[in-house]
Amino acid sequence: MNCYETLFILKPTLTEEETAKQVELVQNYVTDAGGDIAATDSMGMRKLAYEIDGNARGYYTIIYHKSPAAAIAEIERRLRYNEDVLKFLTIKYSNKKEIAHFEKLVAACSSKKEEESASEEA
C-alpha cells in the first residue's frame, strides 16, 4: 500500500451537516476502494485562486490515506461524478523522505484533533 493525500474542495453553498456528510462520503470512497484513512484535516472555508462554476470560495478538506495504487482511479472517478466537489487532487508519497513527511503531516493533524477535543471538553 502506498501513502496518498487527497485534497478536495466542496461547494460553499452546503450547510455544515451537508459538508460533514460529503466528507464522510469521500472517506467511504477511500475505505470502499481498500484504503486505510490515517487522518482527515478540515481546513474550512477559503478563497479560491480563481472562480470555479461561479464560486469564489470553497470548503477545503485533506484526507491522508494508505491505499493500493489501483484504488486511486476508483476514488477519483467517484469524486469526478460527485456534483458537490468543485476540485480534487491526489498526491502520492513514494520515496523515504516523502513518506517521512507524510507521517509528520498525519501526526500534526492527529495532535490538532486532540487539542480541539480537549478544548471542547474544558
C-alpha atoms as a PDB file:
ATOM      1  CA  MET A   1       0.000   0.000   0.000  1.00  0.00           C
ATOM      2  CA  ASN A   2       1.188   3.478  -0.886  1.00  0.00           C
ATOM      3  CA  CYS A   3       0.755   6.733   1.015  1.00  0.00           C
ATOM      4  CA  TYR A   4      -1.554   9.323  -0.549  1.00  0.00           C
ATOM      5  CA  GLU A   5      -3.001  12.730   0.211  1.00  0.00           C
ATOM      6  CA  THR A   6      -6.337  13.578  -1.386  1.00  0.00           C
ATOM      7  CA  LEU A   7      -7.379  17.235  -1.296  1.00  0.00           C
ATOM      8  CA  PHE A   8     -10.901  18.119  -2.351  1.00  0.00           C
ATOM      9  CA  ILE A   9     -12.879  21.351  -2.397  1.00  0.00           C
ATOM     10  CA  LEU A  10     -16.614  21.320  -1.706  1.00  0.00           C
ATOM     11  CA  LYS A  11     -19.179  23.905  -2.796  1.00  0.00           C
ATOM     12  CA  PRO A  12     -19.564  26.820  -0.357  1.00  0.00           C
ATOM     13  CA  THR A  13     -23.378  26.659  -0.531  1.00  0.00           C
ATOM     14  CA  LEU A  14     -23.537  23.452   1.529  1.00  0.00           C
ATOM     15  CA  THR A  15     -24.673  23.590   5.151  1.00  0.00           C
ATOM     16  CA  GLU A  16     -22.436  22.246   7.942  1.00  0.00           C
ATOM     17  CA  GLU A  17     -24.408  18.987   8.031  1.00  0.00           C
ATOM     18  CA  GLU A  18     -24.195  18.553   4.253  1.00  0.00           C
ATOM     19  CA  THR A  19     -20.469  19.319   4.326  1.00  0.00           C
ATOM     20  CA  ALA A  20     -19.879  16.742   7.080  1.00  0.00           C
ATOM     21  CA  LYS A  21     -21.935  14.212   5.096  1.00  0.00           C
ATOM     22  CA  GLN A  22     -19.870  14.857   1.944  1.00  0.00           C
ATOM     23  CA  VAL A  23     -16.580  14.471   3.865  1.00  0.00           C
ATOM     24  CA  GLU A  24     -17.854  11.178   5.307  1.00  0.00           C
ATOM     25  CA  LEU A  25     -18.909  10.089   1.809  1.00  0.00           C
ATOM     26  CA  VAL A  26     -15.405  10.735   0.424  1.00  0.00           C
ATOM     27  CA  GLN A  27     -13.919   8.843   3.378  1.00  0.00           C
ATOM     28  CA  ASN A  28     -16.196   5.948   2.418  1.00  0.00           C
ATOM     29  CA  TYR A  29     -14.861   6.153  -1.159  1.00  0.00           C
ATOM     30  CA  VAL A  30     -11.366   5.537   0.243  1.00  0.00           C
ATOM     31  CA  THR A  31     -12.343   2.673   2.543  1.00  0.00           C
ATOM     32  CA  ASP A  32     -14.560   1.035  -0.106  1.00  0.00           C
ATOM     33  CA  ALA A  33     -11.606   1.038  -2.505  1.00  0.00           C
ATOM     34  CA  GLY A  34      -9.471  -0.826   0.046  1.00  0.00           C
ATOM     35  CA  GLY A  35      -7.668   2.116   1.662  1.00  0.00           C
ATOM     36  CA  ASP A  36      -6.954   2.934   5.296  1.00  0.00           C
ATOM     37  CA  ILE A  37      -7.524   6.521   6.428  1.00  0.00           C
ATOM     38  CA  ALA A  38      -4.637   7.841   8.537  1.00  0.00           C
ATOM     39  CA  ALA A  39      -6.076  11.325   9.213  1.00  0.00           C
ATOM     40  CA  THR A  40      -8.540  13.916   7.949  1.00  0.00           C
ATOM     41  CA  ASP A  41      -7.830  17.640   8.045  1.00  0.00           C
ATOM     42  CA  SER A  42     -10.753  20.008   7.504  1.00  0.00           C
ATOM     43  CA  MET A  43      -9.208  23.320   6.560  1.00  0.00           C
ATOM     44  CA  GLY A  44     -12.524  25.160   6.402  1.00  0.00           C
ATOM     45  CA  MET A  45     -13.822  27.774   4.001  1.00  0.00           C
ATOM     46  CA  ARG A  46     -11.150  29.515   1.943  1.00  0.00           C
ATOM     47  CA  LYS A  47     -10.938  31.854  -1.025  1.00  0.00           C
ATOM     48  CA  LEU A  48     -10.200  30.112  -4.328  1.00  0.00           C
ATOM     49  CA  ALA A  49      -7.409  31.303  -6.598  1.00  0.00           C
ATOM     50  CA  TYR A  50      -9.972  31.613  -9.387  1.00  0.00           C
ATOM     51  CA  GLU A  51     -13.722  31.132  -9.685  1.00  0.00           C
ATOM     52  CA  ILE A  52     -14.980  27.609 -10.308  1.00  0.00           C
ATOM     53  CA  ASP A  53     -18.574  27.320 -11.555  1.00  0.00           C
ATOM     54  CA  GLY A  54     -19.235  30.842 -10.255  1.00  0.00           C
ATOM     55  CA  ASN A  55     -17.910  30.066  -6.765  1.00  0.00           C
ATOM     56  CA  ALA A  56     -15.166  32.297  -5.332  1.00  0.00           C
ATOM     57  CA  ARG A  57     -14.848  30.262  -2.119  1.00  0.00           C
ATOM     58  CA  GLY A  58     -14.775  26.584  -1.216  1.00  0.00           C
ATOM     59  CA  TYR A  59     -14.583  24.210   1.747  1.00  0.00           C
ATOM     60  CA  TYR A  60     -11.145  22.536   1.747  1.00  0.00           C
ATOM     61  CA  THR A  61     -10.546  19.054   3.203  1.00  0.00           C
ATOM     62  CA  ILE A  62      -7.489  16.791   3.065  1.00  0.00           C
ATOM     63  CA  ILE A  63      -7.624  13.039   3.643  1.00  0.00           C
ATOM     64  CA  TYR A  64      -4.323  11.277   4.330  1.00  0.00           C
ATOM     65  CA  HIS A  65      -4.630   7.581   3.487  1.00  0.00           C
ATOM     66  CA  LYS A  66      -2.759   4.408   2.600  1.00  0.00           C
ATOM     67  CA  SER A  67      -4.319   2.710  -0.398  1.00  0.00           C
ATOM     68  CA  PRO A  68      -3.434   0.294  -3.175  1.00  0.00           C
ATOM     69  CA  ALA A  69      -2.438   2.031  -6.404  1.00  0.00           C
ATOM     70  CA  ALA A  70      -5.419   0.610  -8.287  1.00  0.00           C
ATOM     71  CA  ALA A  71      -7.833   2.212  -5.797  1.00  0.00           C
ATOM     72  CA  ILE A  72      -6.883   5.771  -6.753  1.00  0.00           C
ATOM     73  CA  ALA A  73      -8.593   5.554 -10.142  1.00  0.00           C
ATOM     74  CA  GLU A  74     -11.859   4.469  -8.467  1.00  0.00           C
ATOM     75  CA  ILE A  75     -11.643   7.191  -5.778  1.00  0.00           C
ATOM     76  CA  GLU A  76     -11.019   9.880  -8.409  1.00  0.00           C
ATOM     77  CA  ARG A  77     -13.829   8.532 -10.616  1.00  0.00           C
ATOM     78  CA  ARG A  78     -16.283   8.874  -7.733  1.00  0.00           C
ATOM     79  CA  LEU A  79     -15.019  12.374  -6.903  1.00  0.00           C
ATOM     80  CA  ARG A  80     -15.405  13.395 -10.547  1.00  0.00           C
ATOM     81  CA  TYR A  81     -19.104  12.404 -10.550  1.00  0.00           C
ATOM     82  CA  ASN A  82     -19.912  13.999  -7.181  1.00  0.00           C
ATOM     83  CA  GLU A  83     -21.647  17.287  -8.018  1.00  0.00           C
ATOM     84  CA  ASP A  84     -20.751  18.888  -4.675  1.00  0.00           C
ATOM     85  CA  VAL A  85     -16.980  18.542  -5.285  1.00  0.00           C
ATOM     86  CA  LEU A  86     -15.551  21.535  -7.168  1.00  0.00           C
ATOM     87  CA  LYS A  87     -11.941  20.290  -7.489  1.00  0.00           C
ATOM     88  CA  PHE A  88      -9.775  17.451  -6.214  1.00  0.00           C
ATOM     89  CA  LEU A  89      -6.126  16.464  -6.258  1.00  0.00           C
ATOM     90  CA  THR A  90      -4.366  13.255  -5.217  1.00  0.00           C
ATOM     91  CA  ILE A  91      -0.676  13.282  -4.279  1.00  0.00           C
ATOM     92  CA  LYS A  92       1.405  10.117  -3.925  1.00  0.00           C
ATOM     93  CA  TYR A  93       4.252   9.941  -1.408  1.00  0.00           C
ATOM     94  CA  SER A  94       6.777   7.446  -2.780  1.00  0.00           C
ATOM     95  CA  ASN A  95      10.363   7.797  -1.518  1.00  0.00           C
ATOM     96  CA  LYS A  96      11.565   7.619   2.098  1.00  0.00           C
ATOM     97  CA  LYS A  97      11.825  11.385   2.531  1.00  0.00           C
ATOM     98  CA  GLU A  98       8.277  11.933   1.240  1.00  0.00           C
ATOM     99  CA  ILE A  99       6.874   9.122   3.401  1.00  0.00           C
ATOM    100  CA  ALA A 100       8.567  10.648   6.468  1.00  0.00           C
ATOM    101  CA  HIS A 101       6.892  13.956   5.595  1.00  0.00           C
ATOM    102  CA  PHE A 102       3.554  12.111   5.201  1.00  0.00           C
ATOM    103  CA  GLU A 103       3.930  10.631   8.707  1.00  0.00           C
ATOM    104  CA  LYS A 104       4.779  14.099  10.060  1.00  0.00           C
ATOM    105  CA  LEU A 105       1.627  15.581   8.469  1.00  0.00           C
ATOM    106  CA  VAL A 106      -0.530  12.780   9.881  1.00  0.00           C
ATOM    107  CA  ALA A 107       0.958  13.291  13.358  1.00  0.00           C
ATOM    108  CA  ALA A 108       0.365  17.059  13.169  1.00  0.00           C
ATOM    109  CA  CYS A 109      -3.228  16.516  12.065  1.00  0.00           C
ATOM    110  CA  SER A 110      -3.829  13.998  14.857  1.00  0.00           C
ATOM    111  CA  SER A 111      -2.374  16.298  17.530  1.00  0.00           C
ATOM    112  CA  LYS A 112      -4.512  19.155  16.201  1.00  0.00           C
ATOM    113  CA  LYS A 113      -7.632  16.974  16.574  1.00  0.00           C
ATOM    114  CA  GLU A 114      -6.637  16.028  20.138  1.00  0.00           C
ATOM    115  CA  GLU A 115      -6.150  19.707  21.072  1.00  0.00           C
ATOM    116  CA  GLU A 116      -9.575  20.592  19.614  1.00  0.00           C
ATOM    117  CA  SER A 117     -11.309  17.791  21.529  1.00  0.00           C
ATOM    118  CA  ALA A 118      -9.513  18.741  24.769  1.00  0.00           C
ATOM    119  CA  SER A 119     -10.552  22.392  24.412  1.00  0.00           C
ATOM    120  CA  GLU A 120     -14.177  21.346  23.760  1.00  0.00           C
ATOM    121  CA  GLU A 121     -14.220  19.216  26.924  1.00  0.00           C
ATOM    122  CA  ALA A 122     -12.857  22.049  29.063  1.00  0.00           C
END
